[in-house]
C-alpha atoms as a PDB file:
ATOM      1  CA  UNK A   1      69.366  33.083  55.555  1.00  0.00           C
ATOM      2  CA  UNK A   2      68.036  34.789  58.864  1.00  0.00           C
ATOM      3  CA  UNK A   3      68.216  33.272  61.922  1.00  0.00           C
ATOM      4  CA  UNK A   4      64.765  32.362  64.195  1.00  0.00           C
ATOM      5  CA  UNK A   5      63.264  33.561  67.173  1.00  0.00           C
ATOM      6  CA  UNK A   6      62.923  31.341  70.035  1.00  0.00           C
ATOM      7  CA  UNK A   7      60.207  31.919  72.664  1.00  0.00           C
ATOM      8  CA  UNK A   8      60.023  29.162  75.795  1.00  0.00           C
ATOM      9  CA  UNK A   9      56.402  28.116  76.467  1.00  0.00           C
ATOM     10  CA  UNK A  10      56.367  28.191  80.947  1.00  0.00           C
ATOM     11  CA  UNK A  11      56.651  24.106  80.447  1.00  0.00           C
ATOM     12  CA  UNK A  12      59.996  24.744  78.407  1.00  0.00           C
ATOM     13  CA  UNK A  13      61.455  27.165  81.411  1.00  0.00           C
ATOM     14  CA  UNK A  14      60.424  25.244  84.293  1.00  0.00           C
ATOM     15  CA  UNK A  15      62.213  21.859  81.996  1.00  0.00           C
ATOM     16  CA  UNK A  16      65.048  23.758  81.017  1.00  0.00           C
ATOM     17  CA  UNK A  17      65.804  25.037  85.025  1.00  0.00           C
ATOM     18  CA  UNK A  18      65.981  21.485  86.426  1.00  0.00           C
ATOM     19  CA  UNK A  19      68.736  20.246  84.127  1.00  0.00           C
ATOM     20  CA  UNK A  20      72.807  20.942  85.629  1.00  0.00           C
ATOM     21  CA  UNK A  21      74.762  23.689  84.597  1.00  0.00           C
ATOM     22  CA  UNK A  22      76.580  21.946  82.098  1.00  0.00           C
ATOM     23  CA  UNK A  23      73.316  20.381  79.435  1.00  0.00           C
ATOM     24  CA  UNK A  24      72.047  24.238  80.218  1.00  0.00           C
ATOM     25  CA  UNK A  25      75.461  25.076  78.878  1.00  0.00           C
ATOM     26  CA  UNK A  26      75.108  22.137  75.996  1.00  0.00           C
ATOM     27  CA  UNK A  27      71.723  22.862  74.882  1.00  0.00           C
ATOM     28  CA  UNK A  28      72.759  27.045  74.786  1.00  0.00           C
ATOM     29  CA  UNK A  29      75.573  26.470  72.038  1.00  0.00           C
ATOM     30  CA  UNK A  30      72.864  23.630  70.352  1.00  0.00           C
ATOM     31  CA  UNK A  31      70.663  26.640  69.966  1.00  0.00           C
ATOM     32  CA  UNK A  32      73.497  29.257  68.352  1.00  0.00           C
ATOM     33  CA  UNK A  33      73.321  26.426  66.064  1.00  0.00           C
ATOM     34  CA  UNK A  34      69.572  25.420  64.972  1.00  0.00           C
ATOM     35  CA  UNK A  35      68.646  29.151  65.065  1.00  0.00           C
ATOM     36  CA  UNK A  36      70.542  29.443  61.357  1.00  0.00           C
ATOM     37  CA  UNK A  37      68.488  26.877  59.837  1.00  0.00           C
ATOM     38  CA  UNK A  38      66.255  24.625  61.933  1.00  0.00           C
ATOM     39  CA  UNK A  39      64.882  22.699  59.663  1.00  0.00           C
ATOM     40  CA  UNK A  40      68.218  19.814  58.439  1.00  0.00           C
ATOM     41  CA  UNK A  41      69.037  19.004  62.735  1.00  0.00           C
ATOM     42  CA  UNK A  42      65.219  18.780  63.014  1.00  0.00           C
ATOM     43  CA  UNK A  43      63.374  15.103  62.816  1.00  0.00           C
ATOM     44  CA  UNK A  44      59.330  15.625  62.521  1.00  0.00           C
ATOM     45  CA  UNK A  45      57.555  13.645  65.315  1.00  0.00           C
ATOM     46  CA  UNK A  46      54.686  11.478  64.237  1.00  0.00           C
ATOM     47  CA  UNK A  47      52.991  12.382  66.865  1.00  0.00           C
ATOM     48  CA  UNK A  48      52.076  16.084  66.673  1.00  0.00           C
ATOM     49  CA  UNK A  49      49.958  16.329  69.941  1.00  0.00           C
ATOM     50  CA  UNK A  50      53.546  17.634  71.704  1.00  0.00           C
ATOM     51  CA  UNK A  51      55.113  19.213  68.817  1.00  0.00           C
ATOM     52  CA  UNK A  52      56.095  18.896  65.273  1.00  0.00           C
ATOM     53  CA  UNK A  53      59.493  18.441  64.990  1.00  0.00           C
ATOM     54  CA  UNK A  54      62.370  18.157  67.865  1.00  0.00           C
ATOM     55  CA  UNK A  55      65.965  17.716  67.655  1.00  0.00           C
ATOM     56  CA  UNK A  56      68.299  15.485  69.687  1.00  0.00           C
ATOM     57  CA  UNK A  57      70.571  17.029  71.975  1.00  0.00           C
ATOM     58  CA  UNK A  58      72.638  14.127  73.841  1.00  0.00           C
ATOM     59  CA  UNK A  59      70.004  12.357  75.653  1.00  0.00           C
ATOM     60  CA  UNK A  60      67.398  15.318  76.028  1.00  0.00           C
ATOM     61  CA  UNK A  61      65.023  16.419  73.223  1.00  0.00           C
ATOM     62  CA  UNK A  62      64.246  18.664  72.661  1.00  0.00           C
ATOM     63  CA  UNK A  63      60.240  19.599  71.541  1.00  0.00           C
ATOM     64  CA  UNK A  64      59.537  22.247  69.253  1.00  0.00           C
ATOM     65  CA  UNK A  65      56.248  24.132  67.259  1.00  0.00           C
ATOM     66  CA  UNK A  66      58.299  26.038  63.602  1.00  0.00           C
ATOM     67  CA  UNK A  67      56.265  28.521  62.552  1.00  0.00           C
ATOM     68  CA  UNK A  68      58.768  29.227  58.681  1.00  0.00           C
ATOM     69  CA  UNK A  69      56.446  32.641  57.957  1.00  0.00           C
ATOM     70  CA  UNK A  70      56.787  34.561  61.356  1.00  0.00           C
ATOM     71  CA  UNK A  71      60.498  32.745  61.853  1.00  0.00           C
ATOM     72  CA  UNK A  72      60.131  31.507  64.984  1.00  0.00           C
ATOM     73  CA  UNK A  73      60.556  28.466  67.055  1.00  0.00           C
ATOM     74  CA  UNK A  74      58.631  27.607  69.553  1.00  0.00           C
ATOM     75  CA  UNK A  75      60.445  25.280  72.411  1.00  0.00           C
ATOM     76  CA  UNK A  76      57.668  23.672  74.683  1.00  0.00           C
ATOM     77  CA  UNK A  77      58.991  21.031  76.204  1.00  0.00           C
ATOM     78  CA  UNK A  78      63.222  19.972  77.022  1.00  0.00           C
ATOM     79  CA  UNK A  79      63.742  16.543  77.979  1.00  0.00           C
ATOM     80  CA  UNK A  80      65.525  12.968  79.108  1.00  0.00           C
ATOM     81  CA  UNK A  81      65.091  11.030  75.793  1.00  0.00           C
ATOM     82  CA  UNK A  82      63.437   8.792  78.045  1.00  0.00           C
ATOM     83  CA  UNK A  83      60.176  11.102  80.180  1.00  0.00           C
ATOM     84  CA  UNK A  84      59.149  13.062  76.775  1.00  0.00           C
ATOM     85  CA  UNK A  85      56.870  11.151  74.884  1.00  0.00           C
ATOM     86  CA  UNK A  86      54.938  10.521  77.440  1.00  0.00           C
ATOM     87  CA  UNK A  87      51.947  13.370  77.491  1.00  0.00           C
END
């Protein structure tokens, strides 16, 4: 199985820039694991207004859309679990 390509929305880039260095390193490490096979590590979201899937990385949630045909993962938001689901 080939790795998926990760794309970042502007909102996700801003979210990541606000995080501390340790959390950013942790995210990067998790992304390298998740891109090989993203679905077993993810949970499908009920409210698809904010995204279709999410990953859990500690107290943070990575909201993303998955395009299996193009093998692309579009990261939409990276926020603390208390804030991420508020629209």
